[in-house]
Structure formats: structure tokens, C-alpha cells
Amino acid sequence: MNRETIRSLLLWLLVASAVSLVVLYTAFVYSSMRAGPAHLISCMEVNVRMSAWTCEQVLRHATFSKEHLAELNRSAGARFPISMGDTRKAEEILALFLDKGVDINAPDERLNGWTALHGAAISREPKEVALLLKYGAKVDVRDTHGRTPLELARLVQTKRQDDSQLAETIRLLETAQNKPRS
């Protein structure tokens, strides 16, 4: 083979590779657009940089279908963004969820009627509790057993009395509970 033939073959391989990458990326974007919001948050947390970025963009710009919104509200959907590792991004995505119609106080139908705040109250992550309270989570919502998030946290504290994270969570919930209602 002469140089010109090799050059043409390499150029053809390069173009074919580029087209293949575009097709694969397009397929990934399309499948991401069909995924639910909870799946997209998971994708943002566990995938490599480019696919995580893609999932984030789809989540930020997609309209939540009625089915996705209903599913989020049946499963205390506000809990999904608050568990993200990046606190700044968690707050942005929580605000996005609320703007799109997710109810911050929606109970999880499968988990004793726990709201996102119930789950955060026992998670040992005071930042999650603080974020939910900042965005209007109600401290007096009761689960199917009649327990508030504060009561759940206190119940867990009986088994973990030296847990400073849990103590901070309880302090936040007590402060919110004692705040005058407007």
C-alpha cells in the first residue's frame, strides 16, 4: 500500500469512529430523556463525568411527565436530590424538583408514610435536614405510625446516644418545631 492509500484509510477510520461516537452518544441522550428523575440523579452520582453531565442536563431541561411527578410524590421524591454528595448541586436539584411540582412533604407510600424529612431525620446527615427545612418541609407531619421526624430521630438516639450528627439533627428539628408559625 502506498502512503496516499494508508492516509485515506486512516481518514476513513477516523470519520467512522467519530460517527460511531455521535450515534452512541445520541442513543445515550435519548435513553436518558426517557428515564425518570430518580434514575437521572443516580446517573449523575455514579457515572463518569460526560455521562453524569448529560444526565444532569436532561434532568435540568426536561419536563417531568405526569407519571414521573406522580411517582416522585408517591415515594417522597424530595429525598432523591438531598442525598447527593455535592451539597450545592443537591440544593439546586431540590429547588428544580420543587419548581417542577414535587411535594416536599409527600409521604412515601411504601415506607410507613415517611416524608423526605423523616428519612433525613434518621440518616445522620444534618445538612439534609437543614436543606429540607430551608425549603419548607413540615416538622409536624406524621408517618403511618403517628411519628414526626423529630420523634423518629429521638427513637434512633436511644440506640446511638453518643452520635453527634444525630444530636445536631435533633437540635435542628427542635428549633424548627419551636419556631412560631406564620
N, C-alpha and C. Protein backbone atom coordinates (compact mmCIF):
# COMPACT_ATOMS: atom_id res chain seq x y z
N MET A 1 0.84 -1.18 0.00
CA MET A 1 0.00 0.00 0.00
C MET A 1 0.88 1.24 0.00
N ASN A 2 0.45 2.21 -0.74
CA ASN A 2 1.22 3.45 -0.78
C ASN A 2 0.72 4.40 0.31
N ARG A 3 1.44 5.48 0.50
CA ARG A 3 1.12 6.46 1.54
C ARG A 3 -0.27 7.07 1.39
N GLU A 4 -0.65 7.38 0.21
CA GLU A 4 -1.95 8.00 -0.04
C GLU A 4 -3.08 7.05 0.33
N THR A 5 -2.95 5.78 0.02
CA THR A 5 -3.97 4.79 0.37
C THR A 5 -4.08 4.65 1.88
N ILE A 6 -2.93 4.60 2.56
CA ILE A 6 -2.92 4.48 4.02
C ILE A 6 -3.56 5.72 4.65
N ARG A 7 -3.22 6.89 4.14
CA ARG A 7 -3.80 8.14 4.63
C ARG A 7 -5.31 8.15 4.44
N SER A 8 -5.79 7.72 3.30
CA SER A 8 -7.23 7.67 3.03
C SER A 8 -7.93 6.67 3.97
N LEU A 9 -7.29 5.53 4.18
CA LEU A 9 -7.84 4.52 5.06
C LEU A 9 -7.91 5.04 6.51
N LEU A 10 -6.88 5.70 6.98
CA LEU A 10 -6.88 6.27 8.33
C LEU A 10 -7.94 7.36 8.47
N LEU A 11 -8.08 8.19 7.46
CA LEU A 11 -9.11 9.23 7.49
C LEU A 11 -10.50 8.60 7.54
N TRP A 12 -10.71 7.56 6.75
CA TRP A 12 -12.00 6.87 6.75
C TRP A 12 -12.27 6.28 8.12
N LEU A 13 -11.28 5.65 8.75
CA LEU A 13 -11.44 5.08 10.09
C LEU A 13 -11.74 6.15 11.13
N LEU A 14 -11.10 7.29 11.00
CA LEU A 14 -11.33 8.40 11.92
C LEU A 14 -12.77 8.90 11.79
N VAL A 15 -13.23 9.10 10.59
CA VAL A 15 -14.60 9.56 10.35
C VAL A 15 -15.60 8.52 10.85
N ALA A 16 -15.34 7.26 10.57
CA ALA A 16 -16.24 6.19 11.01
C ALA A 16 -16.29 6.13 12.54
N SER A 17 -15.16 6.32 13.19
CA SER A 17 -15.12 6.34 14.66
C SER A 17 -15.91 7.52 15.21
N ALA A 18 -15.73 8.68 14.62
CA ALA A 18 -16.45 9.88 15.07
C ALA A 18 -17.95 9.70 14.91
N VAL A 19 -18.36 9.17 13.77
CA VAL A 19 -19.79 8.94 13.53
C VAL A 19 -20.33 7.92 14.55
N SER A 20 -19.57 6.88 14.83
CA SER A 20 -19.99 5.88 15.81
C SER A 20 -20.17 6.50 17.19
N LEU A 21 -19.24 7.36 17.59
CA LEU A 21 -19.34 8.03 18.88
C LEU A 21 -20.58 8.93 18.95
N VAL A 22 -20.84 9.65 17.88
CA VAL A 22 -22.03 10.52 17.84
C VAL A 22 -23.30 9.68 17.95
N VAL A 23 -23.35 8.57 17.25
CA VAL A 23 -24.52 7.70 17.30
C VAL A 23 -24.71 7.13 18.70
N LEU A 24 -23.63 6.66 19.32
CA LEU A 24 -23.72 6.12 20.68
C LEU A 24 -24.14 7.19 21.68
N TYR A 25 -23.57 8.38 21.56
CA TYR A 25 -23.92 9.46 22.47
C TYR A 25 -25.38 9.87 22.29
N THR A 26 -25.83 9.93 21.05
CA THR A 26 -27.23 10.27 20.77
C THR A 26 -28.16 9.23 21.38
N ALA A 27 -27.80 7.96 21.26
CA ALA A 27 -28.61 6.90 21.86
C ALA A 27 -28.65 7.04 23.38
N PHE A 28 -27.51 7.40 23.98
CA PHE A 28 -27.46 7.60 25.43
C PHE A 28 -28.35 8.77 25.85
N VAL A 29 -28.27 9.87 25.12
CA VAL A 29 -29.10 11.04 25.42
C VAL A 29 -30.57 10.67 25.30
N TYR A 30 -30.94 9.98 24.24
CA TYR A 30 -32.33 9.59 24.03
C TYR A 30 -32.82 8.70 25.17
N SER A 31 -32.01 7.71 25.57
CA SER A 31 -32.44 6.82 26.66
C SER A 31 -32.50 7.59 27.97
N SER A 32 -31.63 8.57 28.17
CA SER A 32 -31.67 9.39 29.38
C SER A 32 -32.94 10.23 29.42
N MET A 33 -33.37 10.70 28.26
CA MET A 33 -34.57 11.52 28.20
C MET A 33 -35.82 10.72 28.57
N ARG A 34 -35.76 9.42 28.39
CA ARG A 34 -36.90 8.56 28.71
C ARG A 34 -36.85 8.08 30.15
N ALA A 35 -35.72 8.26 30.82
CA ALA A 35 -35.57 7.80 32.21
C ALA A 35 -36.29 8.74 33.16
N GLY A 36 -36.60 8.23 34.32
CA GLY A 36 -37.25 9.05 35.34
C GLY A 36 -36.24 9.91 36.08
N PRO A 37 -36.72 10.93 36.78
CA PRO A 37 -35.84 11.83 37.52
C PRO A 37 -34.95 11.12 38.56
N ALA A 38 -35.49 10.14 39.25
CA ALA A 38 -34.68 9.42 40.25
C ALA A 38 -33.51 8.71 39.58
N HIS A 39 -33.77 8.12 38.42
CA HIS A 39 -32.70 7.46 37.67
C HIS A 39 -31.64 8.46 37.22
N LEU A 40 -32.07 9.63 36.80
CA LEU A 40 -31.12 10.65 36.34
C LEU A 40 -30.23 11.13 37.48
N ILE A 41 -30.78 11.26 38.68
CA ILE A 41 -29.95 11.65 39.83
C ILE A 41 -28.93 10.56 40.11
N SER A 42 -29.36 9.32 40.06
CA SER A 42 -28.43 8.20 40.26
C SER A 42 -27.33 8.24 39.21
N CYS A 43 -27.70 8.50 37.98
CA CYS A 43 -26.73 8.60 36.88
C CYS A 43 -25.72 9.72 37.15
N MET A 44 -26.21 10.84 37.70
CA MET A 44 -25.33 11.97 38.00
C MET A 44 -24.31 11.61 39.08
N GLU A 45 -24.70 10.74 39.99
CA GLU A 45 -23.85 10.41 41.13
C GLU A 45 -22.84 9.31 40.83
N VAL A 46 -23.19 8.35 39.99
CA VAL A 46 -22.33 7.18 39.83
C VAL A 46 -21.61 7.07 38.49
N ASN A 47 -22.01 7.81 37.51
CA ASN A 47 -21.40 7.67 36.19
C ASN A 47 -20.17 8.55 36.02
N VAL A 48 -19.43 8.26 34.98
CA VAL A 48 -18.25 9.06 34.66
C VAL A 48 -18.68 10.45 34.21
N ARG A 49 -17.75 11.34 34.18
CA ARG A 49 -18.02 12.76 34.01
C ARG A 49 -18.97 13.11 32.85
N MET A 50 -18.70 12.63 31.65
CA MET A 50 -19.51 13.05 30.49
C MET A 50 -20.95 12.54 30.59
N SER A 51 -21.13 11.27 30.98
CA SER A 51 -22.50 10.76 31.06
C SER A 51 -23.22 11.37 32.26
N ALA A 52 -22.52 11.64 33.36
CA ALA A 52 -23.13 12.31 34.51
C ALA A 52 -23.59 13.71 34.11
N TRP A 53 -22.76 14.41 33.36
CA TRP A 53 -23.12 15.75 32.88
C TRP A 53 -24.36 15.68 31.99
N THR A 54 -24.40 14.69 31.11
CA THR A 54 -25.54 14.53 30.22
C THR A 54 -26.82 14.29 31.01
N CYS A 55 -26.75 13.41 32.00
CA CYS A 55 -27.93 13.13 32.83
C CYS A 55 -28.39 14.39 33.56
N GLU A 56 -27.43 15.18 34.04
CA GLU A 56 -27.78 16.42 34.72
C GLU A 56 -28.48 17.39 33.77
N GLN A 57 -27.98 17.51 32.55
CA GLN A 57 -28.59 18.42 31.59
C GLN A 57 -30.00 17.97 31.23
N VAL A 58 -30.18 16.67 31.05
CA VAL A 58 -31.51 16.15 30.74
C VAL A 58 -32.45 16.44 31.91
N LEU A 59 -31.99 16.20 33.14
CA LEU A 59 -32.81 16.46 34.32
C LEU A 59 -33.19 17.93 34.42
N ARG A 60 -32.23 18.81 34.19
CA ARG A 60 -32.48 20.25 34.31
C ARG A 60 -33.44 20.78 33.25
N HIS A 61 -33.42 20.20 32.06
CA HIS A 61 -34.17 20.78 30.94
C HIS A 61 -35.42 20.00 30.54
N ALA A 62 -35.57 18.81 31.08
CA ALA A 62 -36.74 18.00 30.71
C ALA A 62 -37.96 18.44 31.50
N THR A 63 -39.10 18.22 30.92
CA THR A 63 -40.36 18.42 31.62
C THR A 63 -40.69 17.10 32.29
N PHE A 64 -41.05 17.14 33.57
CA PHE A 64 -41.44 15.90 34.24
C PHE A 64 -42.82 15.50 33.74
N SER A 65 -42.94 14.27 33.30
CA SER A 65 -44.26 13.80 32.87
C SER A 65 -45.16 13.68 34.10
N LYS A 66 -46.46 13.62 33.86
CA LYS A 66 -47.40 13.45 34.96
C LYS A 66 -47.10 12.16 35.72
N GLU A 67 -46.71 11.12 34.98
CA GLU A 67 -46.39 9.83 35.60
C GLU A 67 -45.15 9.94 36.48
N HIS A 68 -44.09 10.61 35.99
CA HIS A 68 -42.88 10.77 36.78
C HIS A 68 -43.15 11.60 38.03
N LEU A 69 -43.92 12.66 37.88
CA LEU A 69 -44.24 13.52 39.02
C LEU A 69 -45.07 12.74 40.05
N ALA A 70 -46.04 11.98 39.58
CA ALA A 70 -46.86 11.18 40.49
C ALA A 70 -46.00 10.14 41.21
N GLU A 71 -45.09 9.51 40.50
CA GLU A 71 -44.20 8.52 41.12
C GLU A 71 -43.31 9.17 42.17
N LEU A 72 -42.77 10.34 41.86
CA LEU A 72 -41.95 11.05 42.83
C LEU A 72 -42.75 11.40 44.07
N ASN A 73 -43.97 11.84 43.89
CA ASN A 73 -44.79 12.21 45.04
C ASN A 73 -45.32 11.00 45.81
N ARG A 74 -45.34 9.83 45.19
CA ARG A 74 -45.70 8.60 45.91
C ARG A 74 -44.52 8.04 46.69
N SER A 75 -43.31 8.51 46.38
CA SER A 75 -42.11 7.94 47.01
C SER A 75 -41.26 9.01 47.70
N ALA A 76 -41.91 10.04 48.24
CA ALA A 76 -41.19 11.11 48.94
C ALA A 76 -40.03 11.60 48.08
N GLY A 77 -40.36 12.00 46.87
CA GLY A 77 -39.37 12.34 45.85
C GLY A 77 -38.35 13.39 46.22
N ALA A 78 -38.64 14.24 47.18
CA ALA A 78 -37.66 15.25 47.59
C ALA A 78 -36.45 14.61 48.24
N ARG A 79 -36.55 13.34 48.60
CA ARG A 79 -35.40 12.67 49.22
C ARG A 79 -34.29 12.37 48.22
N PHE A 80 -34.61 12.27 46.95
CA PHE A 80 -33.60 11.91 45.97
C PHE A 80 -32.51 12.97 45.83
N PRO A 81 -32.86 14.24 45.61
CA PRO A 81 -31.78 15.23 45.46
C PRO A 81 -30.99 15.49 46.74
N ILE A 82 -31.63 15.43 47.90
CA ILE A 82 -30.90 15.79 49.12
C ILE A 82 -29.79 14.81 49.47
N SER A 83 -29.87 13.62 48.93
CA SER A 83 -28.84 12.62 49.25
C SER A 83 -27.62 12.72 48.34
N MET A 84 -27.61 13.68 47.44
CA MET A 84 -26.46 13.84 46.55
C MET A 84 -25.23 14.28 47.34
N GLY A 85 -24.08 13.82 46.91
CA GLY A 85 -22.83 14.13 47.60
C GLY A 85 -22.46 15.61 47.57
N ASP A 86 -22.76 16.27 46.50
CA ASP A 86 -22.44 17.69 46.33
C ASP A 86 -23.59 18.52 46.88
N THR A 87 -23.36 19.19 48.02
CA THR A 87 -24.42 19.93 48.71
C THR A 87 -25.00 21.04 47.84
N ARG A 88 -24.14 21.76 47.12
CA ARG A 88 -24.62 22.85 46.26
C ARG A 88 -25.54 22.31 45.16
N LYS A 89 -25.12 21.21 44.55
CA LYS A 89 -25.93 20.62 43.49
C LYS A 89 -27.22 20.02 44.07
N ALA A 90 -27.14 19.45 45.27
CA ALA A 90 -28.33 18.90 45.91
C ALA A 90 -29.38 19.99 46.10
N GLU A 91 -28.93 21.17 46.52
CA GLU A 91 -29.87 22.28 46.72
C GLU A 91 -30.45 22.73 45.38
N GLU A 92 -29.63 22.82 44.36
CA GLU A 92 -30.12 23.23 43.04
C GLU A 92 -31.17 22.25 42.51
N ILE A 93 -30.88 20.96 42.65
CA ILE A 93 -31.80 19.96 42.11
C ILE A 93 -33.07 19.88 42.96
N LEU A 94 -32.95 20.05 44.29
CA LEU A 94 -34.15 20.10 45.13
C LEU A 94 -35.04 21.26 44.69
N ALA A 95 -34.45 22.43 44.51
CA ALA A 95 -35.23 23.60 44.05
C ALA A 95 -35.88 23.32 42.70
N LEU A 96 -35.14 22.67 41.81
CA LEU A 96 -35.67 22.30 40.49
C LEU A 96 -36.87 21.35 40.65
N PHE A 97 -36.71 20.33 41.50
CA PHE A 97 -37.81 19.39 41.74
C PHE A 97 -39.05 20.12 42.24
N LEU A 98 -38.85 21.00 43.20
CA LEU A 98 -39.99 21.72 43.78
C LEU A 98 -40.64 22.62 42.73
N ASP A 99 -39.83 23.28 41.91
CA ASP A 99 -40.37 24.13 40.83
C ASP A 99 -41.18 23.31 39.83
N LYS A 100 -40.80 22.05 39.64
CA LYS A 100 -41.48 21.20 38.67
C LYS A 100 -42.69 20.47 39.27
N GLY A 101 -42.95 20.71 40.56
CA GLY A 101 -44.17 20.17 41.15
C GLY A 101 -44.01 19.06 42.16
N VAL A 102 -42.79 18.72 42.54
CA VAL A 102 -42.61 17.70 43.57
C VAL A 102 -43.01 18.30 44.92
N ASP A 103 -43.76 17.55 45.69
CA ASP A 103 -44.23 17.99 47.01
C ASP A 103 -43.18 17.60 48.04
N ILE A 104 -42.58 18.58 48.70
CA ILE A 104 -41.52 18.33 49.67
C ILE A 104 -42.03 17.53 50.87
N ASN A 105 -43.33 17.56 51.11
CA ASN A 105 -43.92 16.85 52.25
C ASN A 105 -44.66 15.58 51.85
N ALA A 106 -44.48 15.14 50.61
CA ALA A 106 -45.17 13.93 50.14
C ALA A 106 -44.67 12.71 50.91
N PRO A 107 -45.59 11.87 51.36
CA PRO A 107 -45.17 10.66 52.07
C PRO A 107 -44.85 9.52 51.11
N ASP A 108 -43.90 8.69 51.50
CA ASP A 108 -43.57 7.51 50.72
C ASP A 108 -44.59 6.44 51.05
N GLU A 109 -45.36 6.03 50.07
CA GLU A 109 -46.44 5.06 50.28
C GLU A 109 -45.91 3.70 50.69
N ARG A 110 -44.66 3.39 50.32
CA ARG A 110 -44.11 2.08 50.61
C ARG A 110 -43.29 2.05 51.90
N LEU A 111 -43.02 3.20 52.47
CA LEU A 111 -42.12 3.26 53.63
C LEU A 111 -42.80 3.97 54.81
N ASN A 112 -43.84 3.38 55.31
CA ASN A 112 -44.53 3.87 56.51
C ASN A 112 -44.97 5.32 56.42
N GLY A 113 -45.18 5.83 55.22
CA GLY A 113 -45.62 7.21 55.07
C GLY A 113 -44.56 8.23 55.44
N TRP A 114 -43.30 7.83 55.37
CA TRP A 114 -42.22 8.77 55.68
C TRP A 114 -42.09 9.82 54.60
N THR A 115 -41.90 11.05 55.02
CA THR A 115 -41.57 12.12 54.09
C THR A 115 -40.05 12.14 53.93
N ALA A 116 -39.56 12.99 53.06
CA ALA A 116 -38.11 13.14 52.92
C ALA A 116 -37.49 13.56 54.25
N LEU A 117 -38.20 14.38 55.02
CA LEU A 117 -37.68 14.82 56.31
C LEU A 117 -37.60 13.67 57.31
N HIS A 118 -38.55 12.75 57.29
CA HIS A 118 -38.46 11.57 58.16
C HIS A 118 -37.17 10.80 57.85
N GLY A 119 -36.94 10.57 56.58
CA GLY A 119 -35.73 9.83 56.19
C GLY A 119 -34.46 10.57 56.57
N ALA A 120 -34.45 11.87 56.33
CA ALA A 120 -33.26 12.67 56.67
C ALA A 120 -33.04 12.71 58.17
N ALA A 121 -34.12 12.66 58.94
CA ALA A 121 -34.00 12.75 60.40
C ALA A 121 -33.24 11.58 60.99
N ILE A 122 -33.27 10.43 60.33
CA ILE A 122 -32.53 9.28 60.87
C ILE A 122 -31.27 8.95 60.06
N SER A 123 -30.97 9.77 59.08
CA SER A 123 -29.84 9.48 58.18
C SER A 123 -28.48 9.87 58.75
N ARG A 124 -28.47 10.60 59.86
CA ARG A 124 -27.23 11.08 60.45
C ARG A 124 -26.57 12.13 59.55
N GLU A 125 -27.36 12.85 58.78
CA GLU A 125 -26.87 13.91 57.90
C GLU A 125 -27.63 15.20 58.19
N PRO A 126 -27.18 15.99 59.16
CA PRO A 126 -27.90 17.23 59.49
C PRO A 126 -28.05 18.18 58.31
N LYS A 127 -27.11 18.14 57.37
CA LYS A 127 -27.22 19.05 56.21
C LYS A 127 -28.46 18.74 55.39
N GLU A 128 -28.86 17.46 55.33
CA GLU A 128 -30.08 17.10 54.60
C GLU A 128 -31.30 17.67 55.30
N VAL A 129 -31.33 17.56 56.63
CA VAL A 129 -32.44 18.10 57.42
C VAL A 129 -32.51 19.61 57.22
N ALA A 130 -31.35 20.27 57.33
CA ALA A 130 -31.31 21.74 57.19
C ALA A 130 -31.81 22.17 55.82
N LEU A 131 -31.42 21.45 54.79
CA LEU A 131 -31.84 21.79 53.43
C LEU A 131 -33.35 21.64 53.27
N LEU A 132 -33.90 20.55 53.76
CA LEU A 132 -35.34 20.34 53.65
C LEU A 132 -36.12 21.40 54.44
N LEU A 133 -35.63 21.73 55.63
CA LEU A 133 -36.30 22.76 56.42
C LEU A 133 -36.23 24.11 55.72
N LYS A 134 -35.09 24.41 55.12
CA LYS A 134 -34.92 25.67 54.39
C LYS A 134 -35.96 25.81 53.28
N TYR A 135 -36.32 24.69 52.65
CA TYR A 135 -37.26 24.73 51.54
C TYR A 135 -38.70 24.42 51.94
N GLY A 136 -38.97 24.43 53.25
CA GLY A 136 -40.36 24.36 53.69
C GLY A 136 -40.88 23.02 54.13
N ALA A 137 -40.01 22.05 54.38
CA ALA A 137 -40.50 20.76 54.89
C ALA A 137 -41.15 20.97 56.25
N LYS A 138 -42.28 20.32 56.45
CA LYS A 138 -43.02 20.47 57.71
C LYS A 138 -42.49 19.49 58.75
N VAL A 139 -42.25 20.00 59.96
CA VAL A 139 -41.73 19.15 61.03
C VAL A 139 -42.82 18.38 61.74
N ASP A 140 -44.08 18.76 61.54
CA ASP A 140 -45.16 18.12 62.28
C ASP A 140 -45.90 17.05 61.49
N VAL A 141 -45.40 16.69 60.31
CA VAL A 141 -46.03 15.64 59.51
C VAL A 141 -45.76 14.29 60.20
N ARG A 142 -46.80 13.48 60.28
CA ARG A 142 -46.69 12.19 60.96
C ARG A 142 -46.71 11.04 59.95
N ASP A 143 -45.93 9.99 60.24
CA ASP A 143 -45.93 8.81 59.39
C ASP A 143 -47.14 7.94 59.73
N THR A 144 -47.24 6.76 59.14
CA THR A 144 -48.41 5.91 59.37
C THR A 144 -48.49 5.39 60.80
N HIS A 145 -47.39 5.49 61.55
CA HIS A 145 -47.37 5.09 62.96
C HIS A 145 -47.55 6.29 63.89
N GLY A 146 -47.81 7.46 63.29
CA GLY A 146 -48.06 8.66 64.08
C GLY A 146 -46.81 9.38 64.57
N ARG A 147 -45.65 9.07 64.00
CA ARG A 147 -44.39 9.67 64.46
C ARG A 147 -43.95 10.82 63.55
N THR A 148 -43.49 11.89 64.17
CA THR A 148 -42.90 13.02 63.43
C THR A 148 -41.43 12.70 63.16
N PRO A 149 -40.79 13.46 62.29
CA PRO A 149 -39.35 13.26 62.08
C PRO A 149 -38.54 13.40 63.38
N LEU A 150 -38.90 14.35 64.22
CA LEU A 150 -38.20 14.53 65.49
C LEU A 150 -38.36 13.30 66.38
N GLU A 151 -39.55 12.77 66.44
CA GLU A 151 -39.77 11.57 67.26
C GLU A 151 -38.96 10.39 66.74
N LEU A 152 -38.86 10.25 65.43
CA LEU A 152 -38.03 9.18 64.85
C LEU A 152 -36.56 9.37 65.22
N ALA A 153 -36.08 10.60 65.09
CA ALA A 153 -34.67 10.87 65.42
C ALA A 153 -34.39 10.57 66.89
N ARG A 154 -35.31 10.93 67.76
CA ARG A 154 -35.14 10.64 69.19
C ARG A 154 -35.16 9.14 69.45
N LEU A 155 -35.98 8.41 68.71
CA LEU A 155 -36.03 6.96 68.84
C LEU A 155 -34.68 6.34 68.46
N VAL A 156 -34.10 6.81 67.37
CA VAL A 156 -32.79 6.32 66.95
C VAL A 156 -31.72 6.72 67.97
N GLN A 157 -31.88 7.88 68.56
CA GLN A 157 -30.90 8.36 69.54
C GLN A 157 -30.82 7.45 70.76
N THR A 158 -31.91 6.77 71.10
CA THR A 158 -31.86 5.85 72.24
C THR A 158 -30.86 4.72 72.01
N LYS A 159 -30.58 4.42 70.75
CA LYS A 159 -29.62 3.37 70.41
C LYS A 159 -28.23 3.93 70.10
N ARG A 160 -28.15 5.25 69.85
CA ARG A 160 -26.88 5.90 69.48
C ARG A 160 -26.73 7.20 70.26
N GLN A 161 -26.60 7.09 71.54
CA GLN A 161 -26.60 8.27 72.40
C GLN A 161 -25.40 9.19 72.20
N ASP A 162 -24.30 8.68 71.72
CA ASP A 162 -23.10 9.50 71.55
C ASP A 162 -22.91 9.99 70.12
N ASP A 163 -23.94 9.92 69.31
CA ASP A 163 -23.85 10.29 67.91
C ASP A 163 -24.05 11.80 67.76
N SER A 164 -22.97 12.52 67.49
CA SER A 164 -23.04 13.99 67.39
C SER A 164 -23.85 14.45 66.18
N GLN A 165 -23.80 13.70 65.10
CA GLN A 165 -24.58 14.05 63.90
C GLN A 165 -26.08 13.97 64.20
N LEU A 166 -26.46 12.92 64.90
CA LEU A 166 -27.86 12.74 65.26
C LEU A 166 -28.29 13.82 66.25
N ALA A 167 -27.41 14.17 67.18
CA ALA A 167 -27.72 15.24 68.14
C ALA A 167 -27.95 16.56 67.40
N GLU A 168 -27.14 16.84 66.39
CA GLU A 168 -27.31 18.07 65.59
C GLU A 168 -28.63 18.03 64.82
N THR A 169 -28.96 16.87 64.28
CA THR A 169 -30.24 16.71 63.58
C THR A 169 -31.41 17.00 64.51
N ILE A 170 -31.35 16.46 65.71
CA ILE A 170 -32.41 16.68 66.70
C ILE A 170 -32.50 18.16 67.07
N ARG A 171 -31.35 18.81 67.24
CA ARG A 171 -31.34 20.24 67.55
C ARG A 171 -32.02 21.04 66.44
N LEU A 172 -31.71 20.72 65.18
CA LEU A 172 -32.33 21.41 64.04
C LEU A 172 -33.85 21.21 64.03
N LEU A 173 -34.28 19.99 64.26
CA LEU A 173 -35.72 19.68 64.24
C LEU A 173 -36.43 20.35 65.42
N GLU A 174 -35.80 20.36 66.59
CA GLU A 174 -36.41 21.02 67.75
C GLU A 174 -36.54 22.52 67.51
N THR A 175 -35.50 23.12 66.94
CA THR A 175 -35.55 24.55 66.64
C THR A 175 -36.68 24.85 65.65
N ALA A 176 -36.80 24.03 64.63
CA ALA A 176 -37.85 24.24 63.63
C ALA A 176 -39.24 24.03 64.24
N GLN A 177 -39.36 23.05 65.11
CA GLN A 177 -40.65 22.76 65.73
C GLN A 177 -41.07 23.89 66.67
N ASN A 178 -40.11 24.51 67.33
CA ASN A 178 -40.42 25.56 68.28
C ASN A 178 -40.56 26.94 67.66
N LYS A 179 -40.27 27.03 66.36
CA LYS A 179 -40.38 28.29 65.64
C LYS A 179 -41.86 28.68 65.52
N PRO A 180 -42.17 29.94 65.79
CA PRO A 180 -43.58 30.36 65.63
C PRO A 180 -44.02 30.22 64.17
N ARG A 181 -45.22 29.74 64.00
CA ARG A 181 -45.75 29.56 62.63
C ARG A 181 -46.29 30.88 62.13
N SER A 182 -46.04 31.13 60.82
CA SER A 182 -46.53 32.39 60.26
C SER A 182 -47.74 32.18 59.40
